[in-house]
Protein backbone atom coordinates (compact mmCIF):
# COMPACT_ATOMS: atom_id res chain seq x y z
CA MET A 1 -81.58 80.06 29.77
CA ALA A 2 -83.75 82.54 27.85
CA ASN A 3 -87.51 82.13 27.89
CA VAL A 4 -87.43 79.25 30.36
CA SER A 5 -89.53 79.69 33.48
CA PRO A 6 -86.86 79.53 36.25
CA CYS A 7 -88.88 77.55 38.80
CA VAL A 8 -90.18 75.12 36.22
CA ALA A 9 -86.82 74.52 34.56
CA ALA A 10 -84.72 74.23 37.69
CA SER A 11 -86.94 72.75 40.38
CA ARG A 12 -87.32 69.02 40.90
CA PHE A 13 -89.64 69.51 43.86
CA GLY A 14 -92.14 72.16 42.80
CA ASP A 15 -93.51 75.11 44.74
CA GLY A 16 -96.68 76.70 46.04
CA ARG A 17 -97.72 78.76 43.02
CA ARG A 18 -101.42 79.05 42.19
CA LEU A 19 -101.89 79.31 38.45
CA ARG A 20 -104.09 78.03 35.64
CA ILE A 21 -101.62 76.33 33.33
CA GLY A 22 -101.94 74.79 29.90
CA LEU A 23 -99.48 71.99 29.13
CA LEU A 24 -98.44 71.72 25.48
CA GLY A 25 -96.09 68.79 25.09
CA GLY A 26 -94.18 67.80 22.00
CA SER A 27 -90.88 67.15 20.30
CA PHE A 28 -90.75 70.69 18.87
CA ASN A 29 -88.63 69.35 16.03
CA PRO A 30 -88.86 72.26 15.28
CA ALA A 31 -91.33 74.55 17.05
CA HIS A 32 -93.37 76.67 14.66
CA GLU A 33 -96.09 79.30 14.35
CA GLY A 34 -98.82 76.68 14.71
CA HIS A 35 -97.58 75.91 18.23
CA ARG A 36 -97.58 79.61 19.09
CA GLN A 37 -101.09 80.12 17.73
CA LEU A 38 -102.41 77.15 19.71
CA ALA A 39 -100.83 78.49 22.91
CA GLN A 40 -102.25 81.97 22.34
CA ARG A 41 -105.73 80.59 21.61
CA ALA A 42 -105.58 78.50 24.79
CA LEU A 43 -104.47 81.46 26.91
CA LYS A 44 -107.42 83.52 25.74
CA GLY A 45 -110.11 80.87 25.40
CA LEU A 46 -109.41 79.10 28.69
CA HIS A 47 -108.38 82.16 30.73
CA LEU A 48 -104.99 80.65 31.51
CA ASP A 49 -102.13 82.33 33.32
CA GLN A 50 -99.49 80.44 31.35
CA VAL A 51 -98.89 77.81 28.73
CA TRP A 52 -95.86 75.61 29.32
CA LEU A 53 -94.15 74.24 26.23
CA MET A 54 -92.95 70.87 27.55
CA VAL A 55 -90.12 69.76 25.29
CA SER A 56 -90.02 65.96 25.32
CA PRO A 57 -86.66 64.26 25.84
CA GLY A 58 -87.94 61.55 23.46
CA ASN A 59 -91.43 60.81 22.16
CA PRO A 60 -92.02 57.02 22.49
CA LEU A 61 -94.25 57.09 19.38
CA LYS A 62 -91.73 58.82 17.13
CA SER A 63 -88.60 57.47 15.49
CA ARG A 64 -85.28 58.81 16.69
CA ARG A 65 -84.23 59.11 13.07
CA GLY A 66 -84.39 62.76 12.07
CA MET A 67 -84.89 63.87 15.67
CA ALA A 68 -82.70 66.85 16.55
CA PRO A 69 -80.77 66.87 19.85
CA PHE A 70 -82.77 67.94 22.88
CA ALA A 71 -80.85 71.21 23.33
CA ARG A 72 -81.61 72.24 19.77
CA ARG A 73 -85.30 71.47 20.10
CA LEU A 74 -85.42 73.35 23.41
CA LYS A 75 -83.87 76.38 21.71
CA SER A 76 -86.42 76.10 18.91
CA ALA A 77 -89.26 76.20 21.44
CA GLN A 78 -87.69 79.25 23.07
CA SER A 79 -87.93 81.07 19.75
CA ILE A 80 -91.76 81.08 19.89
CA ALA A 81 -92.10 81.76 23.64
CA ASP A 82 -92.38 85.13 25.34
CA GLY A 83 -91.03 83.99 28.71
CA ARG A 84 -94.05 85.33 30.55
CA HIS A 85 -97.29 83.79 29.34
CA ILE A 86 -95.78 81.22 27.00
CA VAL A 87 -92.79 79.61 28.68
CA VAL A 88 -90.51 76.73 27.80
CA THR A 89 -89.66 73.97 30.23
CA ASP A 90 -87.23 71.06 30.25
CA ILE A 91 -88.99 69.57 33.26
CA GLU A 92 -89.64 66.17 31.65
CA LYS A 93 -85.94 65.73 31.05
CA LYS A 94 -85.12 66.82 34.60
CA ILE A 95 -87.59 64.40 36.22
CA GLY A 96 -86.62 61.65 33.80
CA GLU A 97 -90.03 61.04 32.20
CA ARG A 98 -91.06 60.40 28.57
CA TYR A 99 -94.62 59.25 29.09
CA THR A 100 -97.20 62.00 29.45
CA VAL A 101 -99.31 60.18 32.02
CA ARG A 102 -96.37 59.95 34.41
CA SER A 103 -95.21 63.50 33.72
CA VAL A 104 -98.65 64.94 34.44
CA ALA A 105 -99.01 62.91 37.63
CA ARG A 106 -95.63 64.19 38.80
CA LEU A 107 -96.50 67.80 37.95
CA LYS A 108 -99.69 67.57 40.00
CA GLU A 109 -97.64 66.37 42.96
CA MET A 110 -95.04 69.10 42.49
CA PHE A 111 -97.52 71.93 42.01
CA PRO A 112 -100.60 70.90 44.05
CA HIS A 113 -102.19 74.36 43.96
CA CYS A 114 -102.05 74.72 40.17
CA GLN A 115 -104.88 73.82 37.82
CA PHE A 116 -103.52 72.05 34.75
CA VAL A 117 -105.12 71.36 31.38
CA TRP A 118 -103.53 69.24 28.65
CA LEU A 119 -103.50 70.92 25.24
CA MET A 120 -103.16 69.11 21.94
CA GLY A 121 -104.06 69.26 18.28
CA SER A 122 -106.69 67.05 16.71
CA ASP A 123 -103.86 65.00 15.17
CA GLY A 124 -102.89 64.10 18.74
CA LEU A 125 -106.45 63.13 19.65
CA ALA A 126 -106.62 60.92 16.55
CA GLN A 127 -103.81 58.76 17.93
CA PHE A 128 -104.50 59.34 21.63
CA SER A 129 -105.57 55.72 22.13
CA ARG A 130 -101.98 54.68 21.31
CA TRP A 131 -100.58 56.68 24.23
CA ARG A 132 -99.40 54.85 27.35
CA ARG A 133 -102.34 54.60 29.82
CA TRP A 134 -104.34 57.23 27.96
CA ARG A 135 -107.50 56.54 29.94
CA THR A 136 -105.59 57.22 33.17
CA LEU A 137 -104.29 60.47 31.71
CA ALA A 138 -107.85 61.52 30.82
CA ASN A 139 -108.78 60.93 34.47
CA LEU A 140 -105.85 62.97 35.74
CA VAL A 141 -106.30 66.22 33.86
CA PRO A 142 -108.83 67.95 31.59
CA ILE A 143 -107.96 67.95 27.88
CA VAL A 144 -108.62 70.64 25.29
CA VAL A 145 -108.20 69.87 21.61
CA PHE A 146 -107.58 72.30 18.75
CA PRO A 147 -108.20 71.63 15.04
CA ARG A 148 -105.35 70.64 12.74
CA PRO A 149 -105.79 70.29 8.96
CA GLY A 150 -106.86 66.84 7.83
CA SER A 151 -107.25 65.33 11.30
CA VAL A 152 -110.47 66.75 12.74
CA ILE A 153 -112.80 64.05 11.41
CA PRO A 154 -110.43 61.13 12.17
CA ALA A 155 -109.99 62.53 15.69
CA LEU A 156 -113.71 62.87 16.41
CA ARG A 157 -114.41 59.41 14.96
CA GLY A 158 -111.50 57.78 16.75
CA GLN A 159 -111.45 55.43 19.71
CA ALA A 160 -110.51 58.00 22.33
CA ALA A 161 -113.26 60.45 21.36
CA SER A 162 -115.75 57.57 21.37
CA VAL A 163 -114.73 56.29 24.81
CA LEU A 164 -114.72 59.81 26.29
CA ARG A 165 -117.85 61.03 24.51
CA ALA A 166 -119.94 61.39 27.67
CA ARG A 167 -117.34 63.71 29.22
CA ARG A 168 -117.15 66.15 26.32
CA VAL A 169 -117.91 69.76 27.26
CA PRO A 170 -119.23 72.35 24.76
CA PRO A 171 -116.59 74.91 23.64
CA ARG A 172 -118.42 77.80 25.30
CA ARG A 173 -117.98 76.03 28.66
CA ALA A 174 -114.42 74.78 28.14
CA ALA A 175 -112.97 77.09 30.81
CA VAL A 176 -115.16 75.31 33.39
CA LEU A 177 -112.92 72.27 32.96
CA LEU A 178 -110.29 73.96 35.13
CA LYS A 179 -112.54 74.50 38.13
CA LYS A 180 -111.31 72.75 41.27
CA GLY A 181 -113.31 69.66 42.12
CA GLN A 182 -114.48 69.26 38.54
CA GLU A 183 -114.24 65.76 37.10
CA PRO A 184 -111.71 65.86 34.24
CA GLY A 185 -113.45 66.20 30.91
CA TRP A 186 -112.48 67.41 27.48
CA SER A 187 -113.51 69.94 24.88
CA PHE A 188 -112.81 70.83 21.25
CA LEU A 189 -112.13 74.54 20.69
CA SER A 190 -112.38 76.22 17.33
CA ALA A 191 -109.26 77.94 16.04
CA PRO A 192 -107.63 78.89 12.73
CA GLN A 193 -106.13 75.80 11.11
CA ASN A 194 -102.49 76.42 10.31
CA ALA A 195 -101.18 73.90 7.79
CA ILE A 196 -97.58 74.37 8.86
CA SER A 197 -95.97 71.38 10.57
CA SER A 198 -92.57 70.33 11.85
CA THR A 199 -92.41 67.68 9.12
CA ILE A 200 -92.98 70.26 6.38
CA LEU A 201 -90.28 72.53 7.80
CA ARG A 202 -87.77 69.68 7.97
CA LYS A 203 -88.54 68.56 4.41
CA ALA A 204 -88.12 72.13 3.22
CA GLY A 205 -84.65 72.15 4.79
CA GLN A 206 -85.58 74.88 7.28
CA PHE A 207 -84.60 72.74 10.25
CA ARG A 208 -81.93 70.08 10.11
CA PRO A 209 -81.65 67.48 12.85
CA THR A 210 -77.89 67.96 13.26
């Protein structure tokens, strides 16, 4: 399968690799340049070895209506990956998880020597308090947020940002979040705001769910 990291895609039990890995989860319905730009910014700004595009088998917060089949969304994610630093994984489907908190916990068990950081746009932070056991997730792994048009202020004024305020790290120190033994915190990195979205692409007829 092109652009899919072999160990990540095929293994159910993990391995002994030692990497700094950014996890960018999503439906990728479809993947787009905004996802690629976020991954590239994370690689550089956080000194990561890889960003894994974790294609969700089914986002619990999104309607199934208009959702393309998993294989099609996986292929879409492959189109923006390079197979080396930005890799696609179907690991959530393989381990049978849809909730991020359980997926991340499982990944930490599978790859105990890796340092993970959860990556998301400010639109994700704005609704983070709706996620299953979001406080537990914030205690499992550091989180780095990137700006998305129209959602920065709602995100920073939202419940999650308020609850986690004391653990926020300045952008210039964001890479410190991945140090071993560090209590999971979060940071907000600056980045170009790309207005493109999966919804816009679908409405423009550039990606049909079937």
